[in-house]
Amino acid sequence: MPLDALTQHLAQCAGVIGVDSGLSHIAVALNLPHVQIYNFDTAWRTGPLSGPTGSGVPRQLSVFAQPTPSVQAVWDAWLSCQPLPAQVSEWAPLP
């Protein structure tokens, strides 16, 4: 799939859970809720930053563990970066 078509498809997603790849970085660029999975703590170098938005809800998070994070750790991170109902309209992806 061409990169522009893939970006259009990602822009319609509710968010992304992925590894340190181009697809995950596109999700960050689209400002989607995003959890990035690592087996080493290298998120400081490759993103996403886990800083909160003005509301205190983080937009993107990274999780790491060796050999891999648990499904529960990834799911907990996903739930914690979901917008509150009042924030849904302000987090809509750009056209």
PDB file of N, CA and C in Angstrom:
ATOM      1  N   MET A   1       0.855  -1.174   0.000  1.00  0.00           N
ATOM      2  CA  MET A   1       0.000   0.000   0.000  1.00  0.00           C
ATOM      3  C   MET A   1       0.899   1.236   0.000  1.00  0.00           C
ATOM      4  N   PRO A   2       0.631   2.205  -0.836  1.00  0.00           N
ATOM      5  CA  PRO A   2       1.422   3.436  -0.835  1.00  0.00           C
ATOM      6  C   PRO A   2       1.321   4.154   0.521  1.00  0.00           C
ATOM      7  N   LEU A   3       2.369   4.838   0.883  1.00  0.00           N
ATOM      8  CA  LEU A   3       2.449   5.502   2.184  1.00  0.00           C
ATOM      9  C   LEU A   3       1.333   6.523   2.386  1.00  0.00           C
ATOM     10  N   ASP A   4       0.954   7.262   1.348  1.00  0.00           N
ATOM     11  CA  ASP A   4      -0.124   8.243   1.507  1.00  0.00           C
ATOM     12  C   ASP A   4      -1.459   7.565   1.774  1.00  0.00           C
ATOM     13  N   ALA A   5      -1.722   6.436   1.125  1.00  0.00           N
ATOM     14  CA  ALA A   5      -2.964   5.697   1.373  1.00  0.00           C
ATOM     15  C   ALA A   5      -2.963   5.102   2.780  1.00  0.00           C
ATOM     16  N   LEU A   6      -1.820   4.590   3.202  1.00  0.00           N
ATOM     17  CA  LEU A   6      -1.701   4.040   4.552  1.00  0.00           C
ATOM     18  C   LEU A   6      -1.946   5.121   5.597  1.00  0.00           C
ATOM     19  N   THR A   7      -1.400   6.298   5.384  1.00  0.00           N
ATOM     20  CA  THR A   7      -1.590   7.419   6.306  1.00  0.00           C
ATOM     21  C   THR A   7      -3.063   7.799   6.382  1.00  0.00           C
ATOM     22  N   GLN A   8      -3.754   7.788   5.256  1.00  0.00           N
ATOM     23  CA  GLN A   8      -5.193   8.082   5.262  1.00  0.00           C
ATOM     24  C   GLN A   8      -5.969   7.040   6.052  1.00  0.00           C
ATOM     25  N   HIS A   9      -5.588   5.772   5.933  1.00  0.00           N
ATOM     26  CA  HIS A   9      -6.255   4.719   6.702  1.00  0.00           C
ATOM     27  C   HIS A   9      -5.979   4.878   8.195  1.00  0.00           C
ATOM     28  N   LEU A  10      -4.731   5.143   8.554  1.00  0.00           N
ATOM     29  CA  LEU A  10      -4.389   5.338   9.971  1.00  0.00           C
ATOM     30  C   LEU A  10      -5.129   6.532  10.563  1.00  0.00           C
ATOM     31  N   ALA A  11      -5.314   7.579   9.782  1.00  0.00           N
ATOM     32  CA  ALA A  11      -5.998   8.780  10.271  1.00  0.00           C
ATOM     33  C   ALA A  11      -7.437   8.494  10.674  1.00  0.00           C
ATOM     34  N   GLN A  12      -7.998   7.410  10.181  1.00  0.00           N
ATOM     35  CA  GLN A  12      -9.375   7.045  10.520  1.00  0.00           C
ATOM     36  C   GLN A  12      -9.456   6.081  11.702  1.00  0.00           C
ATOM     37  N   CYS A  13      -8.322   5.683  12.234  1.00  0.00           N
ATOM     38  CA  CYS A  13      -8.293   4.734  13.355  1.00  0.00           C
ATOM     39  C   CYS A  13      -8.537   5.449  14.682  1.00  0.00           C
ATOM     40  N   ALA A  14      -9.009   4.689  15.653  1.00  0.00           N
ATOM     41  CA  ALA A  14      -9.205   5.222  17.007  1.00  0.00           C
ATOM     42  C   ALA A  14      -7.870   5.393  17.712  1.00  0.00           C
ATOM     43  N   GLY A  15      -6.836   4.742  17.242  1.00  0.00           N
ATOM     44  CA  GLY A  15      -5.512   4.819  17.828  1.00  0.00           C
ATOM     45  C   GLY A  15      -4.674   3.652  17.343  1.00  0.00           C
ATOM     46  N   VAL A  16      -3.453   3.563  17.861  1.00  0.00           N
ATOM     47  CA  VAL A  16      -2.512   2.553  17.381  1.00  0.00           C
ATOM     48  C   VAL A  16      -1.733   1.973  18.558  1.00  0.00           C
ATOM     49  N   ILE A  17      -1.558   0.670  18.537  1.00  0.00           N
ATOM     50  CA  ILE A  17      -0.610  -0.016  19.412  1.00  0.00           C
ATOM     51  C   ILE A  17       0.396  -0.653  18.480  1.00  0.00           C
ATOM     52  N   GLY A  18       1.686  -0.352  18.668  1.00  0.00           N
ATOM     53  CA  GLY A  18       2.680  -0.887  17.763  1.00  0.00           C
ATOM     54  C   GLY A  18       4.069  -0.861  18.344  1.00  0.00           C
ATOM     55  N   VAL A  19       5.017  -1.260  17.537  1.00  0.00           N
ATOM     56  CA  VAL A  19       6.424  -1.260  17.914  1.00  0.00           C
ATOM     57  C   VAL A  19       7.090  -0.030  17.304  1.00  0.00           C
ATOM     58  N   ASP A  20       8.371   0.143  17.597  1.00  0.00           N
ATOM     59  CA  ASP A  20       9.119   1.282  17.074  1.00  0.00           C
ATOM     60  C   ASP A  20       9.312   1.097  15.571  1.00  0.00           C
ATOM     61  N   SER A  21       8.356   1.603  14.805  1.00  0.00           N
ATOM     62  CA  SER A  21       8.403   1.460  13.351  1.00  0.00           C
ATOM     63  C   SER A  21       7.841   2.715  12.713  1.00  0.00           C
ATOM     64  N   GLY A  22       7.950   2.775  11.423  1.00  0.00           N
ATOM     65  CA  GLY A  22       7.405   3.912  10.690  1.00  0.00           C
ATOM     66  C   GLY A  22       5.916   4.078  10.901  1.00  0.00           C
ATOM     67  N   LEU A  23       5.185   2.971  11.009  1.00  0.00           N
ATOM     68  CA  LEU A  23       3.745   3.056  11.227  1.00  0.00           C
ATOM     69  C   LEU A  23       3.425   3.719  12.560  1.00  0.00           C
ATOM     70  N   SER A  24       4.172   3.375  13.589  1.00  0.00           N
ATOM     71  CA  SER A  24       3.956   4.001  14.890  1.00  0.00           C
ATOM     72  C   SER A  24       4.289   5.484  14.847  1.00  0.00           C
ATOM     73  N   HIS A  25       5.322   5.842  14.143  1.00  0.00           N
ATOM     74  CA  HIS A  25       5.700   7.251  14.062  1.00  0.00           C
ATOM     75  C   HIS A  25       4.661   8.055  13.269  1.00  0.00           C
ATOM     76  N   ILE A  26       4.032   7.436  12.278  1.00  0.00           N
ATOM     77  CA  ILE A  26       2.934   8.104  11.567  1.00  0.00           C
ATOM     78  C   ILE A  26       1.769   8.324  12.529  1.00  0.00           C
ATOM     79  N   ALA A  27       1.485   7.343  13.375  1.00  0.00           N
ATOM     80  CA  ALA A  27       0.401   7.498  14.362  1.00  0.00           C
ATOM     81  C   ALA A  27       0.674   8.682  15.278  1.00  0.00           C
ATOM     82  N   VAL A  28       1.911   8.835  15.712  1.00  0.00           N
ATOM     83  CA  VAL A  28       2.277   9.977  16.560  1.00  0.00           C
ATOM     84  C   VAL A  28       2.099  11.274  15.782  1.00  0.00           C
ATOM     85  N   ALA A  29       2.542  11.294  14.527  1.00  0.00           N
ATOM     86  CA  ALA A  29       2.404  12.505  13.710  1.00  0.00           C
ATOM     87  C   ALA A  29       0.940  12.874  13.490  1.00  0.00           C
ATOM     88  N   LEU A  30       0.063  11.868  13.449  1.00  0.00           N
ATOM     89  CA  LEU A  30      -1.365  12.117  13.286  1.00  0.00           C
ATOM     90  C   LEU A  30      -2.041  12.454  14.615  1.00  0.00           C
ATOM     91  N   ASN A  31      -1.267  12.463  15.694  1.00  0.00           N
ATOM     92  CA  ASN A  31      -1.773  12.775  17.029  1.00  0.00           C
ATOM     93  C   ASN A  31      -2.846  11.784  17.487  1.00  0.00           C
ATOM     94  N   LEU A  32      -2.678  10.519  17.128  1.00  0.00           N
ATOM     95  CA  LEU A  32      -3.596   9.476  17.566  1.00  0.00           C
ATOM     96  C   LEU A  32      -3.186   8.971  18.943  1.00  0.00           C
ATOM     97  N   PRO A  33      -4.137   8.488  19.755  1.00  0.00           N
ATOM     98  CA  PRO A  33      -3.734   7.777  20.969  1.00  0.00           C
ATOM     99  C   PRO A  33      -2.829   6.621  20.548  1.00  0.00           C
ATOM    100  N   HIS A  34      -1.731   6.435  21.263  1.00  0.00           N
ATOM    101  CA  HIS A  34      -0.723   5.509  20.767  1.00  0.00           C
ATOM    102  C   HIS A  34       0.053   4.885  21.913  1.00  0.00           C
ATOM    103  N   VAL A  35       0.247   3.575  21.845  1.00  0.00           N
ATOM    104  CA  VAL A  35       1.109   2.848  22.775  1.00  0.00           C
ATOM    105  C   VAL A  35       2.181   2.172  21.944  1.00  0.00           C
ATOM    106  N   GLN A  36       3.433   2.423  22.301  1.00  0.00           N
ATOM    107  CA  GLN A  36       4.546   1.821  21.574  1.00  0.00           C
ATOM    108  C   GLN A  36       5.225   0.804  22.487  1.00  0.00           C
ATOM    109  N   ILE A  37       5.462  -0.388  21.961  1.00  0.00           N
ATOM    110  CA  ILE A  37       5.983  -1.522  22.726  1.00  0.00           C
ATOM    111  C   ILE A  37       7.484  -1.670  22.486  1.00  0.00           C
ATOM    112  N   TYR A  38       8.218  -1.814  23.582  1.00  0.00           N
ATOM    113  CA  TYR A  38       9.668  -2.000  23.534  1.00  0.00           C
ATOM    114  C   TYR A  38      10.068  -3.181  24.405  1.00  0.00           C
ATOM    115  N   ASN A  39      11.215  -3.799  24.097  1.00  0.00           N
ATOM    116  CA  ASN A  39      11.769  -4.783  25.010  1.00  0.00           C
ATOM    117  C   ASN A  39      12.966  -4.204  25.777  1.00  0.00           C
ATOM    118  N   PHE A  40      13.363  -2.990  25.438  1.00  0.00           N
ATOM    119  CA  PHE A  40      14.374  -2.238  26.174  1.00  0.00           C
ATOM    120  C   PHE A  40      13.856  -0.817  26.335  1.00  0.00           C
ATOM    121  N   ASP A  41      14.314  -0.138  27.358  1.00  0.00           N
ATOM    122  CA  ASP A  41      13.861   1.229  27.599  1.00  0.00           C
ATOM    123  C   ASP A  41      14.590   2.198  26.677  1.00  0.00           C
ATOM    124  N   THR A  42      14.151   2.251  25.425  1.00  0.00           N
ATOM    125  CA  THR A  42      14.755   3.173  24.455  1.00  0.00           C
ATOM    126  C   THR A  42      13.768   4.229  23.979  1.00  0.00           C
ATOM    127  N   ALA A  43      12.609   4.295  24.608  1.00  0.00           N
ATOM    128  CA  ALA A  43      11.613   5.280  24.198  1.00  0.00           C
ATOM    129  C   ALA A  43      12.148   6.704  24.329  1.00  0.00           C
ATOM    130  N   TRP A  44      13.045   6.953  25.251  1.00  0.00           N
ATOM    131  CA  TRP A  44      13.632   8.286  25.421  1.00  0.00           C
ATOM    132  C   TRP A  44      14.321   8.740  24.135  1.00  0.00           C
ATOM    133  N   ARG A  45      14.755   7.784  23.334  1.00  0.00           N
ATOM    134  CA  ARG A  45      15.488   8.118  22.120  1.00  0.00           C
ATOM    135  C   ARG A  45      14.607   8.102  20.880  1.00  0.00           C
ATOM    136  N   THR A  46      13.622   7.212  20.854  1.00  0.00           N
ATOM    137  CA  THR A  46      12.863   7.016  19.624  1.00  0.00           C
ATOM    138  C   THR A  46      11.405   7.405  19.729  1.00  0.00           C
ATOM    139  N   GLY A  47      10.929   7.824  20.903  1.00  0.00           N
ATOM    140  CA  GLY A  47       9.558   8.294  21.066  1.00  0.00           C
ATOM    141  C   GLY A  47       8.634   7.173  21.439  1.00  0.00           C
ATOM    142  N   PRO A  48       7.404   7.308  21.661  1.00  0.00           N
ATOM    143  CA  PRO A  48       6.719   8.573  21.886  1.00  0.00           C
ATOM    144  C   PRO A  48       6.984   9.097  23.286  1.00  0.00           C
ATOM    145  N   LEU A  49       6.886  10.384  23.431  1.00  0.00           N
ATOM    146  CA  LEU A  49       7.007  10.976  24.751  1.00  0.00           C
ATOM    147  C   LEU A  49       5.727  10.697  25.520  1.00  0.00           C
ATOM    148  N   SER A  50       5.861  10.431  26.792  1.00  0.00           N
ATOM    149  CA  SER A  50       4.671  10.077  27.571  1.00  0.00           C
ATOM    150  C   SER A  50       4.132  11.259  28.353  1.00  0.00           C
ATOM    151  N   GLY A  51       4.524  12.454  27.980  1.00  0.00           N
ATOM    152  CA  GLY A  51       4.054  13.626  28.695  1.00  0.00           C
ATOM    153  C   GLY A  51       2.567  13.834  28.539  1.00  0.00           C
ATOM    154  N   PRO A  52       1.921  14.349  29.579  1.00  0.00           N
ATOM    155  CA  PRO A  52       0.479  14.557  29.508  1.00  0.00           C
ATOM    156  C   PRO A  52       0.109  15.745  28.636  1.00  0.00           C
ATOM    157  N   THR A  53      -1.114  15.712  28.153  1.00  0.00           N
ATOM    158  CA  THR A  53      -1.662  16.875  27.473  1.00  0.00           C
ATOM    159  C   THR A  53      -2.041  17.871  28.556  1.00  0.00           C
ATOM    160  N   GLY A  54      -2.599  18.997  28.198  1.00  0.00           N
ATOM    161  CA  GLY A  54      -3.015  19.988  29.183  1.00  0.00           C
ATOM    162  C   GLY A  54      -4.010  19.445  30.190  1.00  0.00           C
ATOM    163  N   SER A  55      -4.713  18.371  29.831  1.00  0.00           N
ATOM    164  CA  SER A  55      -5.717  17.791  30.714  1.00  0.00           C
ATOM    165  C   SER A  55      -5.121  16.803  31.700  1.00  0.00           C
ATOM    166  N   GLY A  56      -3.851  16.445  31.540  1.00  0.00           N
ATOM    167  CA  GLY A  56      -3.248  15.446  32.399  1.00  0.00           C
ATOM    168  C   GLY A  56      -3.373  14.032  31.864  1.00  0.00           C
ATOM    169  N   VAL A  57      -4.049  13.833  30.723  1.00  0.00           N
ATOM    170  CA  VAL A  57      -4.162  12.511  30.106  1.00  0.00           C
ATOM    171  C   VAL A  57      -3.050  12.396  29.069  1.00  0.00           C
ATOM    172  N   PRO A  58      -2.163  11.394  29.201  1.00  0.00           N
ATOM    173  CA  PRO A  58      -1.100  11.265  28.195  1.00  0.00           C
ATOM    174  C   PRO A  58      -1.677  10.909  26.839  1.00  0.00           C
ATOM    175  N   ARG A  59      -1.095  11.409  25.803  1.00  0.00           N
ATOM    176  CA  ARG A  59      -1.559  11.155  24.434  1.00  0.00           C
ATOM    177  C   ARG A  59      -0.912   9.901  23.860  1.00  0.00           C
ATOM    178  N   GLN A  60       0.375   9.742  24.115  1.00  0.00           N
ATOM    179  CA  GLN A  60       1.118   8.572  23.675  1.00  0.00           C
ATOM    180  C   GLN A  60       1.939   8.048  24.849  1.00  0.00           C
ATOM    181  N   LEU A  61       2.046   6.738  24.928  1.00  0.00           N
ATOM    182  CA  LEU A  61       2.824   6.103  25.983  1.00  0.00           C
ATOM    183  C   LEU A  61       3.716   5.034  25.393  1.00  0.00           C
ATOM    184  N   SER A  62       4.779   4.731  26.098  1.00  0.00           N
ATOM    185  CA  SER A  62       5.592   3.581  25.731  1.00  0.00           C
ATOM    186  C   SER A  62       5.617   2.626  26.906  1.00  0.00           C
ATOM    187  N   VAL A  63       5.692   1.340  26.616  1.00  0.00           N
ATOM    188  CA  VAL A  63       5.822   0.309  27.637  1.00  0.00           C
ATOM    189  C   VAL A  63       6.984  -0.582  27.246  1.00  0.00           C
ATOM    190  N   PHE A  64       7.736  -1.046  28.266  1.00  0.00           N
ATOM    191  CA  PHE A  64       8.845  -1.941  27.967  1.00  0.00           C
ATOM    192  C   PHE A  64       9.008  -2.953  29.086  1.00  0.00           C
ATOM    193  N   ALA A  65       9.541  -4.088  28.735  1.00  0.00           N
ATOM    194  CA  ALA A  65       9.901  -5.145  29.668  1.00  0.00           C
ATOM    195  C   ALA A  65      10.707  -6.178  28.892  1.00  0.00           C
ATOM    196  N   GLN A  66      11.456  -6.977  29.605  1.00  0.00           N
ATOM    197  CA  GLN A  66      12.212  -8.033  28.937  1.00  0.00           C
ATOM    198  C   GLN A  66      11.648  -9.377  29.341  1.00  0.00           C
ATOM    199  N   PRO A  67      11.325 -10.289  28.443  1.00  0.00           N
ATOM    200  CA  PRO A  67      11.611 -10.139  27.022  1.00  0.00           C
ATOM    201  C   PRO A  67      10.610  -9.225  26.312  1.00  0.00           C
ATOM    202  N   THR A  68       9.379  -9.136  26.799  1.00  0.00           N
ATOM    203  CA  THR A  68       8.388  -8.228  26.222  1.00  0.00           C
ATOM    204  C   THR A  68       7.424  -7.796  27.319  1.00  0.00           C
ATOM    205  N   PRO A  69       6.747  -6.664  27.142  1.00  0.00           N
ATOM    206  CA  PRO A  69       5.727  -6.273  28.120  1.00  0.00           C
ATOM    207  C   PRO A  69       4.560  -7.258  28.099  1.00  0.00           C
ATOM    208  N   SER A  70       3.897  -7.379  29.216  1.00  0.00           N
ATOM    209  CA  SER A  70       2.721  -8.251  29.270  1.00  0.00           C
ATOM    210  C   SER A  70       1.570  -7.610  28.508  1.00  0.00           C
ATOM    211  N   VAL A  71       0.637  -8.435  28.098  1.00  0.00           N
ATOM    212  CA  VAL A  71      -0.567  -7.925  27.437  1.00  0.00           C
ATOM    213  C   VAL A  71      -1.284  -6.964  28.386  1.00  0.00           C
ATOM    214  N   GLN A  72      -1.319  -7.287  29.668  1.00  0.00           N
ATOM    215  CA  GLN A  72      -1.988  -6.427  30.636  1.00  0.00           C
ATOM    216  C   GLN A  72      -1.313  -5.061  30.725  1.00  0.00           C
ATOM    217  N   ALA A  73       0.027  -5.023  30.693  1.00  0.00           N
ATOM    218  CA  ALA A  73       0.743  -3.738  30.744  1.00  0.00           C
ATOM    219  C   ALA A  73       0.423  -2.883  29.524  1.00  0.00           C
ATOM    220  N   VAL A  74       0.363  -3.516  28.363  1.00  0.00           N
ATOM    221  CA  VAL A  74       0.039  -2.787  27.130  1.00  0.00           C
ATOM    222  C   VAL A  74      -1.409  -2.296  27.188  1.00  0.00           C
ATOM    223  N   TRP A  75      -2.318  -3.141  27.631  1.00  0.00           N
ATOM    224  CA  TRP A  75      -3.724  -2.761  27.720  1.00  0.00           C
ATOM    225  C   TRP A  75      -3.916  -1.622  28.717  1.00  0.00           C
ATOM    226  N   ASP A  76      -3.253  -1.691  29.875  1.00  0.00           N
ATOM    227  CA  ASP A  76      -3.353  -0.617  30.868  1.00  0.00           C
ATOM    228  C   ASP A  76      -2.858   0.702  30.290  1.00  0.00           C
ATOM    229  N   ALA A  77      -1.756   0.657  29.535  1.00  0.00           N
ATOM    230  CA  ALA A  77      -1.236   1.873  28.902  1.00  0.00           C
ATOM    231  C   ALA A  77      -2.249   2.406  27.889  1.00  0.00           C
ATOM    232  N   TRP A  78      -2.843   1.495  27.096  1.00  0.00           N
ATOM    233  CA  TRP A  78      -3.845   1.901  26.107  1.00  0.00           C
ATOM    234  C   TRP A  78      -5.017   2.603  26.781  1.00  0.00           C
ATOM    235  N   LEU A  79      -5.520   2.017  27.858  1.00  0.00           N
ATOM    236  CA  LEU A  79      -6.654   2.622  28.558  1.00  0.00           C
ATOM    237  C   LEU A  79      -6.292   3.983  29.140  1.00  0.00           C
ATOM    238  N   SER A  80      -5.068   4.139  29.590  1.00  0.00           N
ATOM    239  CA  SER A  80      -4.684   5.411  30.213  1.00  0.00           C
ATOM    240  C   SER A  80      -4.460   6.529  29.207  1.00  0.00           C
ATOM    241  N   CYS A  81      -4.329   6.215  27.919  1.00  0.00           N
ATOM    242  CA  CYS A  81      -4.142   7.295  26.937  1.00  0.00           C
ATOM    243  C   CYS A  81      -5.408   7.551  26.127  1.00  0.00           C
ATOM    244  N   GLN A  82      -6.538   7.041  26.588  1.00  0.00           N
ATOM    245  CA  GLN A  82      -7.803   7.303  25.915  1.00  0.00           C
ATOM    246  C   GLN A  82      -8.379   8.629  26.388  1.00  0.00           C
ATOM    247  N   PRO A  83      -8.938   9.397  25.484  1.00  0.00           N
ATOM    248  CA  PRO A  83      -9.482  10.699  25.871  1.00  0.00           C
ATOM    249  C   PRO A  83     -10.715  10.558  26.750  1.00  0.00           C
ATOM    250  N   LEU A  84     -10.900  11.526  27.611  1.00  0.00           N
ATOM    251  CA  LEU A  84     -12.141  11.625  28.362  1.00  0.00           C
ATOM    252  C   LEU A  84     -13.216  12.083  27.400  1.00  0.00           C
ATOM    253  N   PRO A  85     -14.485  11.807  27.665  1.00  0.00           N
ATOM    254  CA  PRO A  85     -15.545  12.172  26.698  1.00  0.00           C
ATOM    255  C   PRO A  85     -15.499  13.623  26.236  1.00  0.00           C
ATOM    256  N   ALA A  86     -15.170  14.557  27.115  1.00  0.00           N
ATOM    257  CA  ALA A  86     -15.137  15.969  26.727  1.00  0.00           C
ATOM    258  C   ALA A  86     -13.976  16.277  25.793  1.00  0.00           C
ATOM    259  N   GLN A  87     -12.969  15.400  25.751  1.00  0.00           N
ATOM    260  CA  GLN A  87     -11.782  15.658  24.935  1.00  0.00           C
ATOM    261  C   GLN A  87     -11.866  15.056  23.550  1.00  0.00           C
ATOM    262  N   VAL A  88     -12.830  14.225  23.290  1.00  0.00           N
ATOM    263  CA  VAL A  88     -12.884  13.514  22.022  1.00  0.00           C
ATOM    264  C   VAL A  88     -12.877  14.472  20.845  1.00  0.00           C
ATOM    265  N   SER A  89     -13.654  15.521  20.869  1.00  0.00           N
ATOM    266  CA  SER A  89     -13.706  16.442  19.729  1.00  0.00           C
ATOM    267  C   SER A  89     -12.411  17.221  19.571  1.00  0.00           C
ATOM    268  N   GLU A  90     -11.715  17.540  20.658  1.00  0.00           N
ATOM    269  CA  GLU A  90     -10.483  18.304  20.537  1.00  0.00           C
ATOM    270  C   GLU A  90      -9.318  17.438  20.053  1.00  0.00           C
ATOM    271  N   TRP A  91      -9.445  16.116  20.131  1.00  0.00           N
ATOM    272  CA  TRP A  91      -8.374  15.210  19.699  1.00  0.00           C
ATOM    273  C   TRP A  91      -8.622  14.640  18.314  1.00  0.00           C
ATOM    274  N   ALA A  92      -9.594  15.141  17.617  1.00  0.00           N
ATOM    275  CA  ALA A  92      -9.882  14.605  16.284  1.00  0.00           C
ATOM    276  C   ALA A  92      -8.672  14.817  15.377  1.00  0.00           C
ATOM    277  N   PRO A  93      -8.331  13.808  14.568  1.00  0.00           N
ATOM    278  CA  PRO A  93      -7.181  13.962  13.668  1.00  0.00           C
ATOM    279  C   PRO A  93      -7.395  15.093  12.663  1.00  0.00           C
ATOM    280  N   LEU A  94      -6.295  15.627  12.201  1.00  0.00           N
ATOM    281  CA  LEU A  94      -6.354  16.679  11.190  1.00  0.00           C
ATOM    282  C   LEU A  94      -6.830  16.093   9.871  1.00  0.00           C
ATOM    283  N   PRO A  95      -7.559  16.870   9.064  1.00  0.00           N
ATOM    284  CA  PRO A  95      -8.046  16.346   7.775  1.00  0.00           C
ATOM    285  C   PRO A  95      -6.909  16.077   6.807  1.00  0.00           C
TER     286      PRO A  95
END
